[in-house]
């Protein structure tokens, strides 16, 4: 898979989770149709298990999380980095 002819694995676009904020509600797991997240642990917390399944530019899960525990890189910085590598 690629995005703008760049292999997906070369694009640093995926969510990170602040575990101190995550309450394990599972909203991100239920929301994401691309199986990026899973709940693990005791107590359960969201984990990113398939980072490259995340659609480049999508950050909707950031807004779904009731605790604000999910974030993505700045898309403008990612695009600038990709331009420099071409």
C-alpha atoms as a PDB file:
ATOM      1  CA  UNK A   1       0.000   0.000   0.000  1.00  0.00           C
ATOM      2  CA  UNK A   2       1.185   3.528  -0.677  1.00  0.00           C
ATOM      3  CA  UNK A   3       0.088   7.129  -0.325  1.00  0.00           C
ATOM      4  CA  UNK A   4       1.082   9.588  -3.048  1.00  0.00           C
ATOM      5  CA  UNK A   5       3.464   6.898  -4.339  1.00  0.00           C
ATOM      6  CA  UNK A   6       5.255   6.689  -0.977  1.00  0.00           C
ATOM      7  CA  UNK A   7       5.215   3.263   0.709  1.00  0.00           C
ATOM      8  CA  UNK A   8       2.907   3.423   3.715  1.00  0.00           C
ATOM      9  CA  UNK A   9       5.640   2.174   6.057  1.00  0.00           C
ATOM     10  CA  UNK A  10       7.667   5.303   5.203  1.00  0.00           C
ATOM     11  CA  UNK A  11       4.917   7.659   6.381  1.00  0.00           C
ATOM     12  CA  UNK A  12       4.997   8.459  10.107  1.00  0.00           C
ATOM     13  CA  UNK A  13       1.229   8.867  10.408  1.00  0.00           C
ATOM     14  CA  UNK A  14      -0.389   6.869  13.192  1.00  0.00           C
ATOM     15  CA  UNK A  15      -1.926   7.575  16.578  1.00  0.00           C
ATOM     16  CA  UNK A  16      -0.181   7.628  19.906  1.00  0.00           C
ATOM     17  CA  UNK A  17      -1.983   7.058  23.171  1.00  0.00           C
ATOM     18  CA  UNK A  18      -1.283   8.809  26.457  1.00  0.00           C
ATOM     19  CA  UNK A  19      -1.789   5.846  28.801  1.00  0.00           C
ATOM     20  CA  UNK A  20      -2.148   8.142  31.795  1.00  0.00           C
ATOM     21  CA  UNK A  21      -5.297   9.598  30.203  1.00  0.00           C
ATOM     22  CA  UNK A  22      -6.764   6.410  28.710  1.00  0.00           C
ATOM     23  CA  UNK A  23      -9.666   5.014  30.750  1.00  0.00           C
ATOM     24  CA  UNK A  24     -10.091   1.888  28.615  1.00  0.00           C
ATOM     25  CA  UNK A  25     -13.566   2.797  27.388  1.00  0.00           C
ATOM     26  CA  UNK A  26     -12.941   1.214  23.975  1.00  0.00           C
ATOM     27  CA  UNK A  27     -14.452   4.080  21.979  1.00  0.00           C
ATOM     28  CA  UNK A  28     -11.424   4.101  19.650  1.00  0.00           C
ATOM     29  CA  UNK A  29     -11.573   0.325  19.145  1.00  0.00           C
ATOM     30  CA  UNK A  30     -15.262   0.471  18.221  1.00  0.00           C
ATOM     31  CA  UNK A  31     -14.825   3.563  16.036  1.00  0.00           C
ATOM     32  CA  UNK A  32     -11.810   2.598  13.911  1.00  0.00           C
ATOM     33  CA  UNK A  33     -12.793   0.364  11.002  1.00  0.00           C
ATOM     34  CA  UNK A  34      -9.128  -0.333  10.224  1.00  0.00           C
ATOM     35  CA  UNK A  35      -8.263  -2.335  13.351  1.00  0.00           C
ATOM     36  CA  UNK A  36      -5.607   0.110  14.493  1.00  0.00           C
ATOM     37  CA  UNK A  37      -6.477  -0.307  18.198  1.00  0.00           C
ATOM     38  CA  UNK A  38      -7.032  -3.056  20.732  1.00  0.00           C
ATOM     39  CA  UNK A  39      -7.778  -3.036  24.463  1.00  0.00           C
ATOM     40  CA  UNK A  40      -5.113  -4.840  26.501  1.00  0.00           C
ATOM     41  CA  UNK A  41      -4.040  -5.183  30.090  1.00  0.00           C
ATOM     42  CA  UNK A  42      -5.649  -5.108  33.485  1.00  0.00           C
ATOM     43  CA  UNK A  43      -7.139  -2.580  33.714  1.00  0.00           C
ATOM     44  CA  UNK A  44      -7.619  -2.480  29.941  1.00  0.00           C
ATOM     45  CA  UNK A  45      -6.024   0.360  28.026  1.00  0.00           C
ATOM     46  CA  UNK A  46      -6.061   1.129  24.315  1.00  0.00           C
ATOM     47  CA  UNK A  47      -2.958   0.081  22.393  1.00  0.00           C
ATOM     48  CA  UNK A  48      -1.983   0.771  18.797  1.00  0.00           C
ATOM     49  CA  UNK A  49      -1.414  -2.650  17.246  1.00  0.00           C
ATOM     50  CA  UNK A  50      -1.625  -1.876  13.514  1.00  0.00           C
ATOM     51  CA  UNK A  51      -0.167   1.619  13.110  1.00  0.00           C
ATOM     52  CA  UNK A  52       0.157   1.428   9.327  1.00  0.00           C
ATOM     53  CA  UNK A  53      -3.527   0.553   8.973  1.00  0.00           C
ATOM     54  CA  UNK A  54      -4.247   4.145  10.019  1.00  0.00           C
ATOM     55  CA  UNK A  55      -5.448   6.180   7.047  1.00  0.00           C
ATOM     56  CA  UNK A  56      -2.983   8.986   6.346  1.00  0.00           C
ATOM     57  CA  UNK A  57      -4.602  12.280   7.270  1.00  0.00           C
ATOM     58  CA  UNK A  58      -7.381  10.735   9.374  1.00  0.00           C
ATOM     59  CA  UNK A  59      -7.374  11.800  13.003  1.00  0.00           C
ATOM     60  CA  UNK A  60     -11.053  11.291  13.795  1.00  0.00           C
ATOM     61  CA  UNK A  61     -10.252   8.999  16.721  1.00  0.00           C
ATOM     62  CA  UNK A  62      -8.559  11.969  18.434  1.00  0.00           C
ATOM     63  CA  UNK A  63     -11.995  13.561  18.666  1.00  0.00           C
ATOM     64  CA  UNK A  64     -13.805  10.316  19.602  1.00  0.00           C
ATOM     65  CA  UNK A  65     -11.674   9.755  22.721  1.00  0.00           C
ATOM     66  CA  UNK A  66     -13.563  11.262  25.685  1.00  0.00           C
ATOM     67  CA  UNK A  67     -10.311  11.747  27.614  1.00  0.00           C
ATOM     68  CA  UNK A  68      -8.227  13.297  24.834  1.00  0.00           C
ATOM     69  CA  UNK A  69      -5.738  10.436  25.134  1.00  0.00           C
ATOM     70  CA  UNK A  70      -5.176   9.973  21.384  1.00  0.00           C
ATOM     71  CA  UNK A  71      -3.069  12.225  19.187  1.00  0.00           C
ATOM     72  CA  UNK A  72      -1.523  12.213  15.741  1.00  0.00           C
ATOM     73  CA  UNK A  73       1.457  14.073  14.304  1.00  0.00           C
ATOM     74  CA  UNK A  74       0.905  17.399  12.584  1.00  0.00           C
ATOM     75  CA  UNK A  75      -0.120  16.556   8.997  1.00  0.00           C
ATOM     76  CA  UNK A  76       1.681  19.635   7.662  1.00  0.00           C
ATOM     77  CA  UNK A  77       4.954  18.373   9.176  1.00  0.00           C
ATOM     78  CA  UNK A  78       4.418  14.901   7.724  1.00  0.00           C
ATOM     79  CA  UNK A  79       3.775  16.338   4.254  1.00  0.00           C
ATOM     80  CA  UNK A  80       6.851  18.587   4.521  1.00  0.00           C
ATOM     81  CA  UNK A  81       8.959  15.568   5.505  1.00  0.00           C
ATOM     82  CA  UNK A  82       7.641  13.581   2.546  1.00  0.00           C
ATOM     83  CA  UNK A  83       8.463  16.422   0.155  1.00  0.00           C
ATOM     84  CA  UNK A  84      12.028  16.538   1.466  1.00  0.00           C
ATOM     85  CA  UNK A  85      12.500  12.802   0.878  1.00  0.00           C
ATOM     86  CA  UNK A  86      11.426  12.885  -2.790  1.00  0.00           C
END
